[in-house]
N, C-alpha and C. Protein backbone atom coordinates (compact mmCIF):
# COMPACT_ATOMS: atom_id res chain seq x y z
N MET A 1 -193.93 75.77 18.80
CA MET A 1 -194.38 75.37 19.73
C MET A 1 -195.05 76.91 20.39
N LYS A 2 -193.78 77.64 20.05
CA LYS A 2 -194.29 79.13 20.91
C LYS A 2 -195.52 79.41 20.29
N THR A 3 -195.79 79.58 18.92
CA THR A 3 -196.86 79.70 18.44
C THR A 3 -197.82 79.40 19.27
N ALA A 4 -198.22 77.92 19.32
CA ALA A 4 -199.13 77.51 19.84
C ALA A 4 -199.32 77.89 21.35
N ILE A 5 -198.31 77.88 21.95
CA ILE A 5 -198.48 78.63 23.68
C ILE A 5 -199.16 80.15 23.34
N VAL A 6 -198.70 80.96 22.34
CA VAL A 6 -199.10 82.21 22.22
C VAL A 6 -200.83 81.99 21.89
N LEU A 7 -201.06 81.22 21.04
CA LEU A 7 -202.21 81.02 20.60
C LEU A 7 -203.19 80.36 21.79
N ALA A 8 -202.70 79.78 22.62
CA ALA A 8 -203.35 79.17 24.07
C ALA A 8 -203.77 80.24 24.74
N ALA A 9 -202.82 81.09 25.00
CA ALA A 9 -202.84 82.19 25.94
C ALA A 9 -203.89 83.03 25.57
N ALA A 10 -204.09 83.26 23.90
CA ALA A 10 -205.14 84.13 23.82
C ALA A 10 -206.52 83.66 23.64
N LEU A 11 -206.45 82.33 23.41
CA LEU A 11 -207.73 81.87 23.45
C LEU A 11 -208.32 81.73 24.73
N LEU A 12 -207.45 81.46 26.07
CA LEU A 12 -207.58 81.52 27.46
C LEU A 12 -208.10 82.80 27.70
N ALA A 13 -207.69 84.06 27.41
CA ALA A 13 -207.97 85.51 27.66
C ALA A 13 -209.24 85.86 27.13
N ALA A 14 -209.63 84.93 25.94
CA ALA A 14 -211.02 85.61 25.11
C ALA A 14 -212.06 84.37 25.60
N LEU A 15 -211.83 83.56 26.59
CA LEU A 15 -212.95 82.95 26.69
C LEU A 15 -214.02 83.69 27.63
N PRO A 16 -213.93 84.65 28.26
CA PRO A 16 -214.88 85.45 29.23
C PRO A 16 -215.51 86.04 28.10
N ALA A 17 -214.97 86.77 27.16
CA ALA A 17 -215.78 87.27 26.23
C ALA A 17 -216.58 86.59 25.20
N LEU A 18 -216.28 85.45 25.33
CA LEU A 18 -216.85 84.46 23.98
C LEU A 18 -218.01 83.63 24.73
N ALA A 19 -217.70 83.62 26.09
CA ALA A 19 -218.74 83.13 26.95
C ALA A 19 -219.93 84.06 27.41
N HIS A 20 -219.74 85.26 27.16
CA HIS A 20 -220.85 86.05 27.10
C HIS A 20 -221.95 86.28 26.43
N ASP A 21 -223.24 86.01 26.68
CA ASP A 21 -224.19 85.95 25.78
C ASP A 21 -225.34 86.81 26.33
N GLY A 22 -225.02 88.09 26.25
CA GLY A 22 -226.03 89.29 26.87
C GLY A 22 -227.12 89.44 26.32
N HIS A 23 -227.92 90.42 26.49
CA HIS A 23 -229.14 90.98 25.80
C HIS A 23 -228.76 91.71 24.41
N GLU A 24 -227.77 92.09 24.59
CA GLU A 24 -227.16 93.07 23.43
C GLU A 24 -227.07 92.18 22.16
N HIS A 25 -226.86 91.18 22.08
CA HIS A 25 -226.88 90.33 21.11
C HIS A 25 -227.96 89.24 20.83
N GLY A 26 -228.71 89.72 21.36
CA GLY A 26 -230.15 88.66 21.31
C GLY A 26 -230.17 87.64 22.12
N GLY A 27 -228.99 87.14 22.88
CA GLY A 27 -229.29 86.05 23.51
C GLY A 27 -229.96 86.00 24.89
N THR A 28 -229.97 85.24 25.71
CA THR A 28 -230.51 85.09 27.03
C THR A 28 -229.50 85.52 27.75
N PRO A 29 -229.79 85.77 29.21
CA PRO A 29 -228.94 86.41 30.15
C PRO A 29 -228.69 85.17 30.92
N PRO A 30 -227.23 84.84 31.40
CA PRO A 30 -226.71 83.71 32.13
C PRO A 30 -227.68 83.54 33.22
N VAL A 31 -227.53 82.43 33.73
CA VAL A 31 -228.81 81.94 34.91
C VAL A 31 -227.81 82.33 36.06
N ALA A 32 -228.20 83.11 37.28
CA ALA A 32 -227.29 83.02 37.92
C ALA A 32 -227.25 82.16 38.90
N PRO A 33 -226.06 81.84 39.52
CA PRO A 33 -225.94 80.63 40.67
C PRO A 33 -227.00 80.50 41.60
N ASN A 34 -227.37 79.26 42.09
CA ASN A 34 -228.72 79.11 43.11
C ASN A 34 -227.86 79.25 44.16
N TYR A 35 -227.55 80.48 45.16
CA TYR A 35 -226.84 80.48 46.46
C TYR A 35 -227.58 80.13 47.48
N ALA A 36 -228.79 79.87 47.13
CA ALA A 36 -229.88 79.61 48.32
C ALA A 36 -229.62 77.94 48.67
N ALA A 37 -228.84 77.15 47.58
CA ALA A 37 -228.99 75.88 47.68
C ALA A 37 -228.10 75.58 48.84
N PRO A 38 -228.43 74.51 49.46
CA PRO A 38 -227.31 74.33 51.10
C PRO A 38 -225.82 73.89 50.30
N GLN A 39 -225.23 74.73 51.04
CA GLN A 39 -223.61 74.22 50.71
C GLN A 39 -222.73 73.90 51.95
N PRO A 40 -222.72 72.68 51.88
CA PRO A 40 -221.96 72.11 53.32
C PRO A 40 -220.40 72.28 53.13
N ARG A 41 -220.12 73.66 53.38
CA ARG A 41 -218.78 74.49 53.31
C ARG A 41 -218.55 75.09 54.60
N GLU A 42 -217.11 75.11 55.22
CA GLU A 42 -216.61 75.54 56.39
C GLU A 42 -217.19 77.06 56.16
N ILE A 43 -216.52 77.32 54.93
CA ILE A 43 -216.21 78.97 54.40
C ILE A 43 -217.02 78.98 52.94
N LYS A 44 -217.94 79.41 53.13
CA LYS A 44 -218.86 79.63 52.11
C LYS A 44 -217.88 79.94 50.70
N ALA A 45 -217.18 80.87 50.53
CA ALA A 45 -216.60 81.47 49.58
C ALA A 45 -215.45 80.75 49.18
N LEU A 46 -215.02 79.68 50.03
CA LEU A 46 -213.80 78.92 49.34
C LEU A 46 -214.10 77.27 49.47
N SER A 47 -213.79 76.59 48.45
CA SER A 47 -214.18 75.13 48.22
C SER A 47 -213.51 74.50 49.08
N PRO A 48 -213.48 73.08 49.65
CA PRO A 48 -212.65 72.35 50.44
C PRO A 48 -211.26 72.23 49.52
N GLN A 49 -211.48 72.10 48.27
CA GLN A 49 -210.00 72.09 47.57
C GLN A 49 -209.45 73.56 47.63
N GLU A 50 -210.31 74.29 47.56
CA GLU A 50 -209.21 75.98 47.39
C GLU A 50 -208.44 76.06 49.12
N GLN A 51 -209.46 75.70 50.13
CA GLN A 51 -208.82 75.68 51.33
C GLN A 51 -207.80 74.97 51.54
N ARG A 52 -207.64 73.60 50.95
CA ARG A 52 -206.54 72.64 51.01
C ARG A 52 -205.64 73.10 50.58
N GLY A 53 -205.77 73.64 49.14
CA GLY A 53 -204.75 74.28 48.33
C GLY A 53 -203.94 75.56 48.90
N TRP A 54 -204.86 76.50 49.29
CA TRP A 54 -203.90 77.49 50.30
C TRP A 54 -203.21 77.06 51.30
N ALA A 55 -203.92 76.24 52.28
CA ALA A 55 -203.33 75.30 53.48
C ALA A 55 -202.01 74.70 53.01
N GLU A 56 -201.81 74.11 51.98
CA GLU A 56 -200.64 73.05 51.55
C GLU A 56 -199.83 74.08 50.77
N GLY A 57 -200.11 75.31 50.45
CA GLY A 57 -199.15 75.76 49.49
C GLY A 57 -198.96 75.47 47.96
N GLU A 58 -200.18 74.98 47.48
CA GLU A 58 -200.16 74.69 46.18
C GLU A 58 -199.84 75.74 45.53
N ASN A 59 -199.68 75.53 43.86
CA ASN A 59 -199.41 76.80 43.14
C ASN A 59 -200.71 77.16 42.61
N MET A 60 -201.79 76.76 42.53
CA MET A 60 -202.96 77.40 42.20
C MET A 60 -203.04 77.92 41.09
N GLY A 61 -201.99 77.97 40.13
CA GLY A 61 -201.93 79.07 39.25
C GLY A 61 -201.30 80.42 39.35
N MET A 62 -200.80 80.38 40.54
CA MET A 62 -200.00 81.69 40.99
C MET A 62 -198.75 81.80 40.32
N ALA A 63 -198.35 80.80 39.66
CA ALA A 63 -196.79 80.81 39.13
C ALA A 63 -196.97 80.92 37.64
N ARG A 64 -198.04 80.91 37.18
CA ARG A 64 -198.35 80.74 35.61
C ARG A 64 -197.43 81.84 34.81
N ALA A 65 -197.28 83.11 35.25
CA ALA A 65 -196.65 83.92 34.43
C ALA A 65 -195.03 83.56 34.16
N ALA A 66 -194.45 82.79 35.45
CA ALA A 66 -193.48 82.24 35.07
C ALA A 66 -193.08 80.94 34.26
N GLU A 67 -194.12 80.13 34.92
CA GLU A 67 -194.16 78.78 34.06
C GLU A 67 -194.20 78.96 32.47
N LEU A 68 -194.88 79.92 32.10
CA LEU A 68 -195.83 80.17 30.54
C LEU A 68 -194.42 80.93 29.68
N ASN A 69 -193.46 81.16 30.62
CA ASN A 69 -192.61 81.98 30.07
C ASN A 69 -190.96 81.31 30.22
N GLY A 70 -191.09 80.15 30.66
CA GLY A 70 -189.74 79.12 30.81
C GLY A 70 -189.11 79.07 32.07
N TYR A 71 -189.67 79.68 33.16
CA TYR A 71 -188.99 79.79 34.13
C TYR A 71 -189.27 78.60 35.10
N PRO A 72 -188.41 77.66 35.37
CA PRO A 72 -188.80 76.26 36.06
C PRO A 72 -189.03 76.46 37.72
N GLY A 73 -189.73 75.55 38.05
CA GLY A 73 -190.26 75.72 39.59
C GLY A 73 -189.18 74.67 40.20
N PRO A 74 -188.88 74.63 41.48
CA PRO A 74 -187.87 73.64 42.06
C PRO A 74 -188.66 72.05 42.03
N MET A 75 -190.12 71.91 42.12
CA MET A 75 -190.47 70.68 42.06
C MET A 75 -190.27 69.87 40.63
N MET A 76 -190.42 70.70 39.54
CA MET A 76 -190.26 70.58 38.27
C MET A 76 -188.86 69.95 37.84
N VAL A 77 -187.91 70.75 38.49
CA VAL A 77 -186.22 70.60 38.36
C VAL A 77 -186.32 69.38 39.02
N LEU A 78 -186.61 68.89 39.95
CA LEU A 78 -186.27 67.77 40.96
C LEU A 78 -186.67 66.79 40.16
N GLU A 79 -188.01 66.69 39.43
CA GLU A 79 -188.47 65.64 38.79
C GLU A 79 -187.81 65.53 37.54
N MET A 80 -187.10 66.32 36.81
CA MET A 80 -185.87 66.27 35.76
C MET A 80 -184.66 66.21 36.41
N ALA A 81 -184.31 65.93 37.49
CA ALA A 81 -182.97 65.97 37.91
C ALA A 81 -182.10 65.12 36.85
N GLN A 82 -182.16 63.77 36.56
CA GLN A 82 -181.69 63.05 35.69
C GLN A 82 -181.35 64.00 34.29
N ALA A 83 -182.23 64.04 33.77
CA ALA A 83 -182.17 64.64 32.38
C ALA A 83 -181.55 66.06 32.32
N LEU A 84 -181.82 66.83 33.28
CA LEU A 84 -181.05 68.07 33.59
C LEU A 84 -179.45 67.97 33.94
N LYS A 85 -179.31 66.74 34.77
CA LYS A 85 -177.95 66.30 34.84
C LYS A 85 -177.53 67.20 36.06
N LEU A 86 -178.37 67.52 36.94
CA LEU A 86 -177.94 68.34 38.14
C LEU A 86 -177.06 67.66 39.34
N SER A 87 -175.95 68.66 39.55
CA SER A 87 -174.91 68.32 40.38
C SER A 87 -175.58 68.24 41.68
N PRO A 88 -174.93 67.46 42.58
CA PRO A 88 -175.31 67.11 44.01
C PRO A 88 -175.70 68.35 44.98
N GLU A 89 -175.02 69.85 44.28
CA GLU A 89 -174.80 70.93 45.15
C GLU A 89 -176.20 71.71 44.72
N GLN A 90 -176.81 71.37 43.22
CA GLN A 90 -178.04 71.97 42.58
C GLN A 90 -179.13 71.35 43.42
N MET A 91 -179.13 69.73 43.50
CA MET A 91 -179.99 69.37 44.17
C MET A 91 -180.23 69.57 45.23
N ALA A 92 -179.26 70.02 46.19
CA ALA A 92 -179.53 70.46 47.51
C ALA A 92 -179.92 71.58 47.45
N ALA A 93 -179.44 72.77 46.84
CA ALA A 93 -180.27 74.00 46.59
C ALA A 93 -181.50 74.15 46.26
N THR A 94 -181.67 73.18 45.35
CA THR A 94 -183.07 72.93 44.76
C THR A 94 -184.25 72.62 45.99
N ARG A 95 -183.74 71.80 46.65
CA ARG A 95 -184.71 70.91 47.75
C ARG A 95 -184.83 72.50 48.85
N GLU A 96 -183.98 72.88 48.90
CA GLU A 96 -183.87 74.04 50.36
C GLU A 96 -184.52 74.95 49.60
N LEU A 97 -184.65 75.47 48.62
CA LEU A 97 -185.28 76.46 47.84
C LEU A 97 -186.95 76.25 47.89
N MET A 98 -187.05 74.69 47.67
CA MET A 98 -188.39 74.33 47.77
C MET A 98 -188.99 74.28 49.19
N THR A 99 -188.27 73.80 50.00
CA THR A 99 -188.59 73.88 51.24
C THR A 99 -188.91 75.04 51.92
N ARG A 100 -187.89 75.91 51.75
CA ARG A 100 -188.30 77.31 52.31
C ARG A 100 -189.55 77.97 51.78
N HIS A 101 -189.66 77.82 50.48
CA HIS A 101 -190.71 78.35 49.82
C HIS A 101 -192.22 77.43 50.34
N LYS A 102 -192.23 76.19 50.23
CA LYS A 102 -193.45 75.92 51.06
C LYS A 102 -193.69 76.19 52.16
N THR A 103 -192.44 76.46 53.21
CA THR A 103 -192.96 76.85 54.71
C THR A 103 -193.47 78.33 54.35
N GLU A 104 -193.14 78.92 53.65
CA GLU A 104 -193.58 80.52 53.68
C GLU A 104 -195.21 80.44 53.12
N VAL A 105 -195.25 79.62 51.90
CA VAL A 105 -196.60 80.17 51.27
C VAL A 105 -197.77 79.11 52.19
N ARG A 106 -197.23 78.25 52.86
CA ARG A 106 -198.01 77.39 53.99
C ARG A 106 -198.56 78.36 55.07
N LYS A 107 -197.68 79.00 55.49
CA LYS A 107 -198.09 80.01 56.45
C LYS A 107 -198.97 80.87 55.94
N LEU A 108 -198.41 81.67 54.84
CA LEU A 108 -199.46 82.80 54.68
C LEU A 108 -200.75 82.09 53.95
N GLY A 109 -200.66 80.95 53.32
CA GLY A 109 -202.19 80.34 53.09
C GLY A 109 -202.97 80.15 54.24
N ALA A 110 -202.23 79.50 55.33
CA ALA A 110 -202.98 79.54 57.03
C ALA A 110 -203.84 80.80 57.06
N GLU A 111 -203.20 81.86 56.58
CA GLU A 111 -203.36 83.06 57.37
C GLU A 111 -204.83 83.69 56.40
N LEU A 112 -204.57 83.31 54.95
CA LEU A 112 -205.51 83.80 54.10
C LEU A 112 -206.85 82.86 54.40
N VAL A 113 -206.58 81.79 54.47
CA VAL A 113 -207.86 81.04 54.86
C VAL A 113 -208.40 81.51 56.43
N ASP A 114 -207.89 81.79 57.34
CA ASP A 114 -208.01 82.38 58.45
C ASP A 114 -209.05 83.74 57.97
N ALA A 115 -208.49 84.60 57.42
CA ALA A 115 -209.17 85.83 57.17
C ALA A 115 -210.47 85.65 56.16
N GLU A 116 -210.48 84.69 55.44
CA GLU A 116 -211.81 84.17 54.90
C GLU A 116 -212.75 83.73 55.64
N ARG A 117 -212.27 82.90 56.69
CA ARG A 117 -213.08 82.47 57.61
C ARG A 117 -213.90 83.69 58.27
N GLN A 118 -213.00 84.58 58.94
CA GLN A 118 -213.41 85.68 59.50
C GLN A 118 -214.59 86.30 58.54
N LEU A 119 -214.12 86.74 57.13
CA LEU A 119 -215.03 87.05 56.49
C LEU A 119 -216.57 86.55 56.36
N ASP A 120 -216.49 85.55 56.34
CA ASP A 120 -217.42 84.37 56.13
C ASP A 120 -218.53 84.41 57.37
N VAL A 121 -217.76 84.56 58.54
CA VAL A 121 -218.19 84.47 60.06
C VAL A 121 -219.12 85.87 59.66
N ALA A 122 -218.43 86.98 59.78
CA ALA A 122 -218.98 88.32 59.80
C ALA A 122 -220.59 88.06 58.96
N PHE A 123 -220.59 87.72 57.54
CA PHE A 123 -221.64 87.67 57.25
C PHE A 123 -222.25 86.92 57.52
N ARG A 124 -222.36 85.43 57.97
CA ARG A 124 -223.35 84.39 58.31
C ARG A 124 -223.67 85.08 59.56
N GLU A 125 -223.18 85.72 60.42
CA GLU A 125 -223.77 86.23 61.88
C GLU A 125 -224.48 87.50 61.46
N ARG A 126 -224.67 88.06 60.32
CA ARG A 126 -225.13 89.20 59.94
C ARG A 126 -224.49 90.13 60.81
N ARG A 127 -223.35 90.40 61.05
CA ARG A 127 -222.52 91.59 61.63
C ARG A 127 -221.75 92.14 60.69
N ALA A 128 -221.50 91.99 59.39
CA ALA A 128 -220.69 92.33 58.37
C ALA A 128 -220.72 93.81 58.29
N GLU A 129 -219.64 94.72 58.34
CA GLU A 129 -219.52 96.22 58.55
C GLU A 129 -218.64 96.63 57.43
N GLU A 130 -218.77 97.64 56.73
CA GLU A 130 -218.20 98.15 55.89
C GLU A 130 -216.49 98.54 56.44
N ALA A 131 -216.41 98.72 57.63
CA ALA A 131 -214.80 98.75 57.98
C ALA A 131 -214.36 97.47 58.32
N GLU A 132 -214.74 96.66 58.65
CA GLU A 132 -214.44 95.00 58.85
C GLU A 132 -214.35 94.37 57.40
N VAL A 133 -215.40 94.65 56.47
CA VAL A 133 -215.26 93.92 55.23
C VAL A 133 -213.87 94.72 54.56
N SER A 134 -213.94 95.86 54.79
CA SER A 134 -212.58 96.63 53.87
C SER A 134 -211.29 96.06 54.45
N ARG A 135 -211.22 95.88 55.92
CA ARG A 135 -210.04 95.29 56.32
C ARG A 135 -209.65 94.06 55.93
N LEU A 136 -210.88 93.23 55.88
CA LEU A 136 -210.53 91.54 55.82
C LEU A 136 -210.17 91.58 54.29
N THR A 137 -210.69 92.26 53.51
CA THR A 137 -210.71 92.13 51.96
C THR A 137 -209.17 92.75 51.65
N ALA A 138 -208.92 93.81 52.52
CA ALA A 138 -207.68 94.31 51.97
C ALA A 138 -206.46 92.88 52.57
N GLN A 139 -206.66 92.59 53.72
CA GLN A 139 -205.92 91.52 54.20
C GLN A 139 -205.73 90.25 53.20
N ILE A 140 -206.71 89.88 52.62
CA ILE A 140 -206.91 88.65 51.80
C ILE A 140 -206.25 89.13 50.64
N GLY A 141 -206.22 90.07 49.97
CA GLY A 141 -205.75 90.74 48.70
C GLY A 141 -204.13 90.53 49.00
N GLN A 142 -203.92 91.38 50.19
CA GLN A 142 -202.42 91.47 50.33
C GLN A 142 -201.82 89.97 50.42
N LEU A 143 -202.58 88.90 51.29
CA LEU A 143 -201.81 87.54 51.34
C LEU A 143 -201.81 87.11 49.98
N GLN A 144 -202.83 87.35 49.50
CA GLN A 144 -202.96 86.47 47.68
C GLN A 144 -201.62 87.41 47.05
N GLY A 145 -201.24 88.61 47.14
CA GLY A 145 -200.35 88.81 46.68
C GLY A 145 -198.76 88.52 46.97
N ARG A 146 -198.60 88.49 48.18
CA ARG A 146 -197.25 87.81 48.86
C ARG A 146 -197.24 86.34 48.45
N ILE A 147 -198.52 85.65 48.36
CA ILE A 147 -198.36 84.17 48.02
C ILE A 147 -198.01 84.15 46.75
N ARG A 148 -198.28 84.69 45.84
CA ARG A 148 -198.17 84.62 44.20
C ARG A 148 -196.43 85.56 44.15
N ALA A 149 -196.57 86.34 44.83
CA ALA A 149 -194.68 86.86 44.94
C ALA A 149 -194.02 85.94 45.23
N SER A 150 -194.11 85.09 46.29
CA SER A 150 -193.45 83.91 46.55
C SER A 150 -193.24 82.90 45.74
N HIS A 151 -194.40 82.48 44.97
CA HIS A 151 -194.15 81.41 43.75
C HIS A 151 -193.44 81.71 42.58
N LEU A 152 -193.61 83.40 42.40
CA LEU A 152 -192.78 83.81 41.15
C LEU A 152 -191.61 83.95 41.57
N LYS A 153 -191.06 84.36 42.66
CA LYS A 153 -189.87 84.57 43.02
C LYS A 153 -188.81 83.07 43.10
N THR A 154 -189.52 82.34 43.70
CA THR A 154 -189.23 80.83 43.51
C THR A 154 -188.65 80.43 42.35
N HIS A 155 -189.33 80.81 41.24
CA HIS A 155 -189.13 80.19 39.89
C HIS A 155 -188.03 81.06 39.62
N VAL A 156 -187.97 82.34 39.84
CA VAL A 156 -186.57 83.22 39.39
C VAL A 156 -185.24 82.72 40.11
N ALA A 157 -185.58 82.32 41.56
CA ALA A 157 -184.44 81.78 42.13
C ALA A 157 -184.05 80.19 41.77
N GLU A 158 -184.86 79.54 41.11
CA GLU A 158 -184.31 78.27 40.51
C GLU A 158 -183.98 78.28 39.11
N GLN A 159 -184.30 79.12 38.28
CA GLN A 159 -183.54 79.69 37.20
C GLN A 159 -182.20 79.94 37.35
N ALA A 160 -181.91 80.78 38.50
CA ALA A 160 -180.62 81.16 38.75
C ALA A 160 -179.74 79.87 39.03
N LEU A 161 -180.28 78.89 39.70
CA LEU A 161 -179.43 77.69 39.99
C LEU A 161 -178.79 76.72 39.12
N LEU A 162 -179.50 77.28 37.89
CA LEU A 162 -179.08 76.34 36.42
C LEU A 162 -178.27 77.07 35.70
N THR A 163 -177.39 75.75 35.05
CA THR A 163 -176.59 76.63 34.03
C THR A 163 -177.21 76.91 32.81
N PRO A 164 -176.56 77.59 31.86
CA PRO A 164 -177.43 78.07 30.62
C PRO A 164 -177.75 76.67 29.69
N GLU A 165 -176.99 75.84 29.73
CA GLU A 165 -177.00 74.57 29.22
C GLU A 165 -178.23 73.73 29.85
N GLN A 166 -178.26 73.79 30.97
CA GLN A 166 -179.46 73.06 31.71
C GLN A 166 -180.97 73.82 31.24
N MET A 167 -180.76 75.18 31.17
CA MET A 167 -181.86 75.81 30.81
C MET A 167 -182.18 75.56 29.43
N GLN A 168 -181.37 75.56 28.69
CA GLN A 168 -181.70 74.99 27.28
C GLN A 168 -182.32 73.68 27.03
N ARG A 169 -181.98 73.00 27.91
CA ARG A 169 -182.47 71.66 28.01
C ARG A 169 -183.65 71.57 28.48
N TYR A 170 -184.14 72.30 29.75
CA TYR A 170 -185.05 72.24 30.19
C TYR A 170 -186.36 72.87 29.30
N LEU A 171 -186.04 73.91 28.71
CA LEU A 171 -186.73 74.64 27.84
C LEU A 171 -187.21 73.45 26.68
N GLY A 172 -186.36 73.08 26.00
CA GLY A 172 -186.31 72.03 25.12
C GLY A 172 -187.48 71.20 25.40
N MET A 173 -187.00 70.53 26.70
CA MET A 173 -188.06 69.46 27.20
C MET A 173 -189.54 69.77 27.22
N HIS A 174 -189.59 71.12 27.22
CA HIS A 174 -191.12 71.69 27.60
C HIS A 174 -191.67 72.60 26.25
N GLY A 175 -190.91 72.36 25.00
CA GLY A 175 -191.40 72.69 23.66
C GLY A 175 -191.05 74.23 23.97
N MET A 176 -190.38 74.73 24.58
CA MET A 176 -190.16 76.31 24.84
C MET A 176 -188.43 77.08 24.16
N ALA A 177 -187.94 76.04 23.46
CA ALA A 177 -186.57 76.21 23.21
C ALA A 177 -186.66 77.55 22.43
N HIS A 178 -185.60 78.73 23.02
CA HIS A 178 -185.30 79.87 22.65
C HIS A 178 -184.34 80.06 21.80
């Protein structure tokens, strides 16, 4: 199973290169998206799903490094509580970890959506200037980094709540036995 995961990761990494069909290979260039088409979005650069995801503290792929390397997240651990034979103390600690994490990433996500909204408004109102674009994109990047760090650190903290036997059981149930 470990080989399958490595192969899947390699294929995902190669997709952008495989999808490219530029002039140097005799193909036609990719068609640019039609940005002129009406887009009923509050923030043009974020889909409604992305806005909701950031605001609700969804994973959005931010914890992939942890997940693909066998670090469990609290939601998954709670779903597997019976199979992992969690103690009442572990259940309480996992719930508390998840609550603390969700509170943090929802706050950061709301700030990120607000910064994206400010950036969108600056462009929509034709008043975007280099300094403001630099400030807002730096803020957005920092918020994305903080959100990702929170997701990843939560997986690290969750692993620390489990016994070695529970970790082995978790890894085995996900086809990641080490």
